[in-house]
Amino acid sequence: MYQRLKPLIFRLSPEIAHEWTMRLLTFACLIPGLAFLLRRYYTVRDKRLEVSIAGLTFPNPVGLAAGFDKDARWLNEMRTLGFGFVEIGTVTPLAQSGNPKPRLFRLPADRGVINRMGFNNGGMVEATAQLRKRPKGLLVGGNIGKNKVTPNAEADSDYLKCFQALHAHVDYFVVNVSSPNTPGLRELQSKEPLTKLLQLLMNENAAISQPRPVFLKIAPDLSDAELDDIIDLVKETGIAGVIATNTTVSREGLLTDAKSVLEMGPGGLSGAPVRDRSTEVIRYLHTQSDGAFPIIGVGGIGSGQDAQEKLDAGASLVQVYSGLIFEGPSLIRKINRHLVQRLVQAS
């Protein structure tokens, strides 16, 4: 169905298409009996898909990456589509509109997306209100960041505010210091400020009953030396693990003509063009750390084979976003069925 509608969807601007397709899914889920049928079709139920990491048990290893549902508006719909978990955000303390439009661009020839959204979201109060209505049985992560107007010297305070506000309503946290679309944010990936930030959150976590696992989301553009720092940092701070990776600022190897890409302007590139680099980062972290911590793999997953490559490289879980734009909601089902088939073959 989605593939038949995709030519029409792609005639709309990406942001409008995103909003309208989700409204259509929301409407479908309100029709008596239809939500049940959709969930039965899309969800692959198999105990062999369960993954237990960081004290949490995921019904299947396929999650929704942050950025798709920034304000936790569509948790019930994502559960209907068969996701094993959903990551909301990035959430900032105050609501912000993000960068000027247009700020989201498709690259069909590359099966990629360029975005410079700029953490547009309704803020932590809005996210918390939505999370109170979250469906039972769905694991939800909270991806947190800082407001654009907050200087890096005061960034810790923004992350702490979001951490405190969302703590009772999410199952795990993700510290996002790797988006290229908030000026200066990636400077926080340096070892000293990042260690300070993560230690602050871990101290707060320890002081609250029922502490949440904390993951760090990193960029694919880090050098091996910087990845070594990440490994050391995970050990020093005691965070649960790493999400690898965010979008890239690289434009190398694209099939889309250079003039069109240049006209799209700055932003993070996701989708198929970042697939190989993301897998390289996962493999490096897993190998160099001797598998000391769980990794959630994200970047360019558009098939079951793509997901399997991430898992084979050392990821425990995977997340999708851009792949949904090109493959549609059946992608989750296809990945999980592929993984089950591989498990059967291996047994």
Foldseek 3Di string as FASTA:
>chain_A
DCVVCLVVLVVDQVVVSLVVVLVVLVVQCPPPPRLVVLLVVQADQDCVQWFDFPNDIFRHQEEADEPSAAQLPCQSSVNSLHHSAYEHFQAWAAADQFDDPPAWDADVQQLKIFGLRGRHDHHLVSSLVNLVVHDPPHAYEHEYFYHLPDDPVCGLVGRVSSCVSCVVRHQAYEYEQAFPNRPPSVVCLPLVNVLVSLLVSLVVQVVDPPRHAYEYEHALPDDLVSLVSVLVSCVVRVHQYYEFYDFDQDPPPDPPDPVVVVVSPTGGMFAQVCLVSSLVSLLSNCVVNVLPHAYEGEGHDQALVSQVSSVVSGHSHYYYDSNCSVRNSSRSSRNRVSVVVVVVVVD
